[in-house]
C-alpha atoms as a PDB file:
ATOM      1  CA  UNK A   1       8.554  26.063 -21.949  1.00  0.00           C
ATOM      2  CA  UNK A   2      11.175  28.663 -21.048  1.00  0.00           C
ATOM      3  CA  UNK A   3      10.935  27.545 -17.401  1.00  0.00           C
ATOM      4  CA  UNK A   4      11.724  23.939 -18.364  1.00  0.00           C
ATOM      5  CA  UNK A   5      14.756  25.025 -20.361  1.00  0.00           C
ATOM      6  CA  UNK A   6      15.945  27.165 -17.426  1.00  0.00           C
ATOM      7  CA  UNK A   7      15.559  24.284 -14.951  1.00  0.00           C
ATOM      8  CA  UNK A   8      17.340  21.955 -17.370  1.00  0.00           C
ATOM      9  CA  UNK A   9      20.295  24.338 -17.654  1.00  0.00           C
ATOM     10  CA  UNK A  10      20.471  24.647 -13.851  1.00  0.00           C
ATOM     11  CA  UNK A  11      20.380  20.876 -13.472  1.00  0.00           C
ATOM     12  CA  UNK A  12      23.151  20.546 -16.040  1.00  0.00           C
ATOM     13  CA  UNK A  13      25.292  23.080 -14.159  1.00  0.00           C
ATOM     14  CA  UNK A  14      24.770  21.147 -10.902  1.00  0.00           C
ATOM     15  CA  UNK A  15      25.636  17.878 -12.645  1.00  0.00           C
ATOM     16  CA  UNK A  16      28.844  19.323 -14.097  1.00  0.00           C
ATOM     17  CA  UNK A  17      29.761  20.754 -10.701  1.00  0.00           C
ATOM     18  CA  UNK A  18      29.234  17.391  -8.993  1.00  0.00           C
ATOM     19  CA  UNK A  19      31.358  15.677 -11.645  1.00  0.00           C
ATOM     20  CA  UNK A  20      34.140  18.239 -11.150  1.00  0.00           C
ATOM     21  CA  UNK A  21      34.042  17.667  -7.393  1.00  0.00           C
ATOM     22  CA  UNK A  22      34.303  13.922  -7.856  1.00  0.00           C
ATOM     23  CA  UNK A  23      37.255  14.350 -10.231  1.00  0.00           C
ATOM     24  CA  UNK A  24      38.923  16.713  -7.714  1.00  0.00           C
ATOM     25  CA  UNK A  25      38.480  14.132  -4.959  1.00  0.00           C
ATOM     26  CA  UNK A  26      39.929  11.351  -7.123  1.00  0.00           C
ATOM     27  CA  UNK A  27      42.874  13.246  -8.539  1.00  0.00           C
ATOM     28  CA  UNK A  28      43.473  15.914  -5.907  1.00  0.00           C
ATOM     29  CA  UNK A  29      43.564  18.538  -8.621  1.00  0.00           C
ATOM     30  CA  UNK A  30      41.156  21.480  -8.735  1.00  0.00           C
ATOM     31  CA  UNK A  31      39.376  21.125 -12.100  1.00  0.00           C
ATOM     32  CA  UNK A  32      37.286  24.286 -12.205  1.00  0.00           C
ATOM     33  CA  UNK A  33      37.419  27.353  -9.985  1.00  0.00           C
ATOM     34  CA  UNK A  34      34.246  28.855 -11.445  1.00  0.00           C
ATOM     35  CA  UNK A  35      32.084  26.159  -9.861  1.00  0.00           C
END
């Protein structure tokens, strides 16, 4: 069960990162440096 939670958190981080990259590309503004 812990493994599933860990994988879910990793997937969520990747999703947020991808969303930030898309926003950066659309706006030209760096949204988050930590990703």
